Amino acid sequence: MAKFELDGKEYNTDDFDDRQKRIVALYQKSLRDENVALMELELKRAARIEVARKLIEEIAEK
């Protein structure tokens, strides 16, 4: 694994035991999952805004 940063402090995982390394891996996965969720939320918001824009166009035409 090498190194990672947590709360502004850098840690060297080469010094960690297997349990600590698994916890670090879970932490890193949770960060990735959180980023994916944020990106998906932004995409869904953009889609909602676009659909609303299209709906307004449709309503305004009638």
Protein backbone atom coordinates (compact mmCIF):
# COMPACT_ATOMS: atom_id res chain seq x y z
CA MET A 1 0.00 0.00 0.00
CA ALA A 2 2.75 2.46 0.89
CA LYS A 3 1.49 5.80 2.20
CA PHE A 4 -1.82 7.56 2.73
CA GLU A 5 -2.97 10.74 4.42
CA LEU A 6 -5.62 11.07 7.12
CA ASP A 7 -6.52 14.33 8.85
CA GLY A 8 -3.42 16.02 7.47
CA LYS A 9 -1.05 13.36 8.75
CA GLU A 10 0.80 10.92 6.48
CA TYR A 11 1.04 7.26 7.45
CA ASN A 12 3.28 4.53 6.06
CA THR A 13 1.24 1.35 5.79
CA ASP A 14 4.36 -0.78 5.47
CA ASP A 15 4.53 -0.48 9.25
CA PHE A 16 0.92 -1.67 9.71
CA ASP A 17 -0.20 -5.18 10.52
CA ASP A 18 -2.68 -7.00 8.27
CA ARG A 19 -5.73 -5.87 10.26
CA GLN A 20 -4.67 -2.22 10.08
CA LYS A 21 -4.05 -2.56 6.33
CA ARG A 22 -7.56 -3.97 5.85
CA ILE A 23 -9.01 -1.03 7.75
CA VAL A 24 -7.03 1.39 5.56
CA ALA A 25 -8.36 -0.41 2.46
CA LEU A 26 -11.93 -0.08 3.78
CA TYR A 27 -11.35 3.62 4.45
CA GLN A 28 -10.01 4.18 0.94
CA LYS A 29 -12.94 2.27 -0.56
CA SER A 30 -15.40 4.38 1.42
CA LEU A 31 -13.74 7.52 0.03
CA ARG A 32 -14.08 6.20 -3.52
CA ASP A 33 -17.70 5.18 -2.92
CA GLU A 34 -18.49 8.62 -1.50
CA ASN A 35 -16.97 10.32 -4.55
CA VAL A 36 -18.97 8.10 -6.90
CA ALA A 37 -22.16 8.89 -4.99
CA LEU A 38 -21.46 12.63 -5.22
CA MET A 39 -20.84 12.40 -8.96
CA GLU A 40 -24.04 10.42 -9.45
CA LEU A 41 -25.98 13.00 -7.45
CA GLU A 42 -24.61 15.81 -9.59
CA LEU A 43 -25.56 13.92 -12.76
CA LYS A 44 -29.07 13.32 -11.44
CA ARG A 45 -29.44 16.99 -10.54
CA ALA A 46 -28.29 18.00 -14.00
CA ALA A 47 -30.77 15.59 -15.56
CA ARG A 48 -33.60 16.92 -13.36
CA ILE A 49 -32.77 20.49 -14.34
CA GLU A 50 -32.71 19.55 -18.02
CA VAL A 51 -36.03 17.71 -17.76
CA ALA A 52 -37.56 20.69 -15.96
CA ARG A 53 -36.26 22.98 -18.70
CA LYS A 54 -37.82 20.72 -21.34
CA LEU A 55 -41.10 20.61 -19.40
CA ILE A 56 -41.21 24.41 -19.24
CA GLU A 57 -40.63 24.55 -23.00
CA GLU A 58 -43.48 22.11 -23.57
CA ILE A 59 -45.85 23.98 -21.30
CA ALA A 60 -44.94 27.34 -22.80
CA GLU A 61 -45.68 26.05 -26.32
CA LYS A 62 -49.29 25.21 -25.47
